[in-house]
N, C-alpha and C. Protein backbone atom coordinates (compact mmCIF):
# COMPACT_ATOMS: atom_id res chain seq x y z
N UNK A 1 1.91 -8.26 -19.85
CA UNK A 1 3.23 -8.56 -19.23
C UNK A 1 3.21 -8.40 -17.73
N UNK A 2 3.58 -9.20 -16.89
CA UNK A 2 3.64 -9.08 -15.52
C UNK A 2 4.90 -8.27 -15.02
N UNK A 3 4.70 -7.51 -14.03
CA UNK A 3 5.62 -6.64 -13.49
C UNK A 3 6.63 -7.49 -12.65
N UNK A 4 7.87 -7.24 -12.69
CA UNK A 4 8.85 -8.04 -11.89
C UNK A 4 9.88 -7.09 -11.34
N UNK A 5 10.47 -7.42 -10.16
CA UNK A 5 11.46 -6.68 -9.57
C UNK A 5 12.83 -7.24 -10.07
N UNK A 6 13.50 -6.42 -10.92
CA UNK A 6 14.77 -6.99 -11.48
C UNK A 6 15.90 -7.22 -10.50
N UNK A 7 15.96 -6.42 -9.40
CA UNK A 7 16.98 -6.51 -8.49
C UNK A 7 16.79 -7.93 -7.78
N UNK A 8 15.58 -8.25 -7.43
CA UNK A 8 15.36 -9.45 -6.75
C UNK A 8 15.71 -10.70 -7.73
N UNK A 9 15.20 -10.52 -8.97
CA UNK A 9 15.46 -11.55 -10.02
C UNK A 9 16.95 -11.80 -10.15
N UNK A 10 17.79 -10.67 -10.25
CA UNK A 10 19.24 -10.81 -10.49
C UNK A 10 19.80 -11.52 -9.20
N UNK A 11 19.39 -11.12 -7.89
CA UNK A 11 20.02 -11.62 -6.77
C UNK A 11 19.59 -13.19 -6.69
N UNK A 12 18.39 -13.57 -7.06
CA UNK A 12 18.08 -14.99 -7.01
C UNK A 12 18.94 -15.81 -8.17
N UNK A 13 19.14 -15.21 -9.19
CA UNK A 13 19.89 -15.85 -10.24
C UNK A 13 21.35 -16.07 -9.78
N UNK A 14 21.86 -14.96 -9.11
CA UNK A 14 23.21 -15.03 -8.67
C UNK A 14 23.36 -16.11 -7.49
N UNK A 15 22.21 -16.34 -6.78
CA UNK A 15 22.24 -17.23 -5.62
C UNK A 15 22.11 -18.71 -6.06
N UNK A 16 21.89 -18.87 -7.46
CA UNK A 16 21.72 -20.21 -7.96
C UNK A 16 20.43 -20.64 -8.27
N UNK A 17 19.34 -19.87 -8.17
CA UNK A 17 18.03 -20.27 -8.57
C UNK A 17 18.00 -20.38 -10.05
N UNK A 18 17.09 -21.31 -10.55
CA UNK A 18 16.92 -21.40 -11.98
C UNK A 18 16.08 -20.20 -12.50
N UNK A 19 16.14 -19.98 -13.78
CA UNK A 19 15.50 -18.74 -14.36
C UNK A 19 13.90 -18.70 -14.08
N UNK A 20 13.24 -19.80 -14.23
CA UNK A 20 11.87 -19.79 -14.08
C UNK A 20 11.45 -19.47 -12.67
N UNK A 21 12.02 -20.18 -11.65
CA UNK A 21 11.79 -19.90 -10.20
C UNK A 21 12.06 -18.48 -9.88
N UNK A 22 13.24 -18.04 -10.31
CA UNK A 22 13.68 -16.60 -10.00
C UNK A 22 12.63 -15.61 -10.57
N UNK A 23 12.15 -15.79 -11.78
CA UNK A 23 11.18 -14.89 -12.44
C UNK A 23 9.90 -15.01 -11.63
N UNK A 24 9.38 -16.13 -11.30
CA UNK A 24 8.17 -16.37 -10.59
C UNK A 24 8.11 -15.59 -9.21
N UNK A 25 9.28 -15.80 -8.51
CA UNK A 25 9.43 -15.17 -7.22
C UNK A 25 9.45 -13.58 -7.24
N UNK A 26 10.11 -13.13 -8.19
CA UNK A 26 10.24 -11.73 -8.52
C UNK A 26 8.93 -11.07 -8.81
N UNK A 27 8.08 -11.86 -9.58
CA UNK A 27 6.76 -11.44 -9.97
C UNK A 27 5.82 -11.49 -8.81
N UNK A 28 6.02 -12.41 -8.01
CA UNK A 28 5.08 -12.61 -6.75
C UNK A 28 5.39 -11.44 -5.83
N UNK A 29 6.66 -11.10 -5.58
CA UNK A 29 6.93 -9.95 -4.60
C UNK A 29 6.45 -8.60 -5.24
N UNK A 30 6.58 -8.54 -6.53
CA UNK A 30 6.05 -7.21 -7.14
C UNK A 30 4.66 -7.16 -6.91
N UNK A 31 3.75 -8.31 -7.04
CA UNK A 31 2.37 -8.26 -6.91
C UNK A 31 2.00 -7.86 -5.48
N UNK A 32 2.76 -8.36 -4.44
CA UNK A 32 2.52 -7.94 -3.04
C UNK A 32 2.83 -6.47 -2.89
N UNK A 33 3.92 -6.01 -3.48
CA UNK A 33 4.23 -4.62 -3.41
C UNK A 33 3.12 -3.68 -3.89
N UNK A 34 2.51 -4.17 -5.07
CA UNK A 34 1.42 -3.36 -5.60
C UNK A 34 0.12 -3.41 -4.62
N UNK A 35 -0.05 -4.49 -3.98
CA UNK A 35 -1.13 -4.58 -3.04
C UNK A 35 -1.01 -3.62 -1.81
N UNK A 36 0.21 -3.65 -1.31
CA UNK A 36 0.64 -2.85 -0.21
C UNK A 36 0.44 -1.37 -0.58
N UNK A 37 0.85 -0.94 -1.79
CA UNK A 37 0.75 0.42 -2.22
C UNK A 37 -0.89 0.81 -2.17
N UNK A 38 -1.63 -0.03 -2.72
CA UNK A 38 -3.11 0.07 -2.73
C UNK A 38 -3.70 0.28 -1.37
N UNK A 39 -3.20 -0.50 -0.41
CA UNK A 39 -3.78 -0.45 0.99
C UNK A 39 -3.19 0.91 1.58
N UNK A 40 -2.06 1.27 1.29
CA UNK A 40 -1.50 2.57 1.70
C UNK A 40 -2.40 3.77 1.20
N UNK A 41 -2.72 3.71 -0.01
CA UNK A 41 -3.54 4.81 -0.52
C UNK A 41 -5.06 4.79 0.15
N UNK A 42 -5.55 3.56 0.31
CA UNK A 42 -6.88 3.48 0.99
C UNK A 42 -6.76 3.99 2.40
N UNK A 43 -5.68 3.70 3.19
CA UNK A 43 -5.47 4.16 4.59
C UNK A 43 -5.43 5.82 4.51
N UNK A 44 -4.75 6.29 3.56
CA UNK A 44 -4.69 7.75 3.48
C UNK A 44 -6.04 8.39 3.33
N UNK A 45 -6.85 7.75 2.49
CA UNK A 45 -8.21 8.34 2.28
C UNK A 45 -9.05 8.21 3.58
N UNK A 46 -8.78 7.12 4.23
CA UNK A 46 -9.59 6.84 5.56
C UNK A 46 -9.19 7.84 6.55
N UNK A 47 -7.99 8.18 6.54
CA UNK A 47 -7.39 9.13 7.64
C UNK A 47 -7.97 10.55 7.33
N UNK A 48 -8.16 10.96 6.09
CA UNK A 48 -8.82 12.24 5.70
C UNK A 48 -10.23 12.23 6.09
N UNK A 49 -10.89 11.13 5.82
CA UNK A 49 -12.31 10.94 6.20
C UNK A 49 -12.65 11.03 7.68
N UNK A 50 -11.70 10.41 8.49
CA UNK A 50 -11.82 10.47 9.93
C UNK A 50 -11.52 11.78 10.47
N UNK A 51 -10.55 12.52 9.85
CA UNK A 51 -10.29 13.90 10.25
C UNK A 51 -11.40 14.78 9.89
N UNK A 52 -11.95 14.68 8.82
CA UNK A 52 -13.20 15.57 8.48
C UNK A 52 -14.28 15.32 9.38
N UNK A 53 -14.64 14.01 9.64
CA UNK A 53 -15.69 13.71 10.54
C UNK A 53 -15.47 14.19 11.98
N UNK A 54 -14.25 14.18 12.44
CA UNK A 54 -13.87 14.66 13.86
C UNK A 54 -14.03 16.19 13.82
N UNK A 55 -13.58 16.85 12.84
CA UNK A 55 -13.67 18.33 12.75
C UNK A 55 -15.19 18.70 12.68
N UNK A 56 -16.08 18.03 11.91
CA UNK A 56 -17.49 18.33 11.95
C UNK A 56 -18.14 18.08 13.21
N UNK A 57 -17.78 16.88 13.83
CA UNK A 57 -18.31 16.60 15.13
C UNK A 57 -17.93 17.71 16.29
N UNK A 58 -16.72 18.05 16.27
CA UNK A 58 -16.30 19.11 17.21
C UNK A 58 -16.99 20.52 16.91
N UNK A 59 -17.17 20.82 15.70
CA UNK A 59 -17.98 22.05 15.21
C UNK A 59 -19.39 21.95 15.72
N UNK A 60 -20.04 20.88 15.56
CA UNK A 60 -21.38 20.67 16.02
C UNK A 60 -21.57 20.78 17.56
N UNK A 61 -20.58 20.07 18.18
CA UNK A 61 -20.67 20.24 19.75
C UNK A 61 -20.31 21.55 20.20
N UNK A 62 -19.40 22.31 19.59
CA UNK A 62 -19.15 23.68 19.92
C UNK A 62 -20.32 24.51 19.74
N UNK A 63 -20.92 24.36 18.65
CA UNK A 63 -22.15 25.07 18.25
C UNK A 63 -23.24 24.93 19.33
N UNK A 64 -23.38 23.68 19.70
CA UNK A 64 -24.47 23.33 20.70
C UNK A 64 -24.14 23.86 22.16
N UNK A 65 -22.91 23.88 22.40
CA UNK A 65 -22.49 24.48 23.81
C UNK A 65 -22.54 26.04 23.74
N UNK A 66 -22.26 26.54 22.71
CA UNK A 66 -22.15 28.02 22.64
C UNK A 66 -23.53 28.66 22.56
N UNK A 67 -24.45 27.96 21.93
CA UNK A 67 -25.85 28.42 21.78
C UNK A 67 -26.61 28.33 22.95
C-alpha cells in the first residue's frame, strides 16, 4: 500500500479533481516528502562526520604546535 497525504487528497477532491488524479497526486507528494526526510537524515550524519574530522584535525595541529 502506498502512503498518501490525506489532507492533500481531501483538498484536491474539494477543488474538483477526480478521485484517481487526487490519489496519485497525494501519493507523489508523500513520496517526495519521504525522500526529503532521508536527505535530511543523511545531512545530519554528514554534519557529525565533518565536526568529528574538524575536532581531530585541530587536536593534531595543537599537539604538533605544543610539542
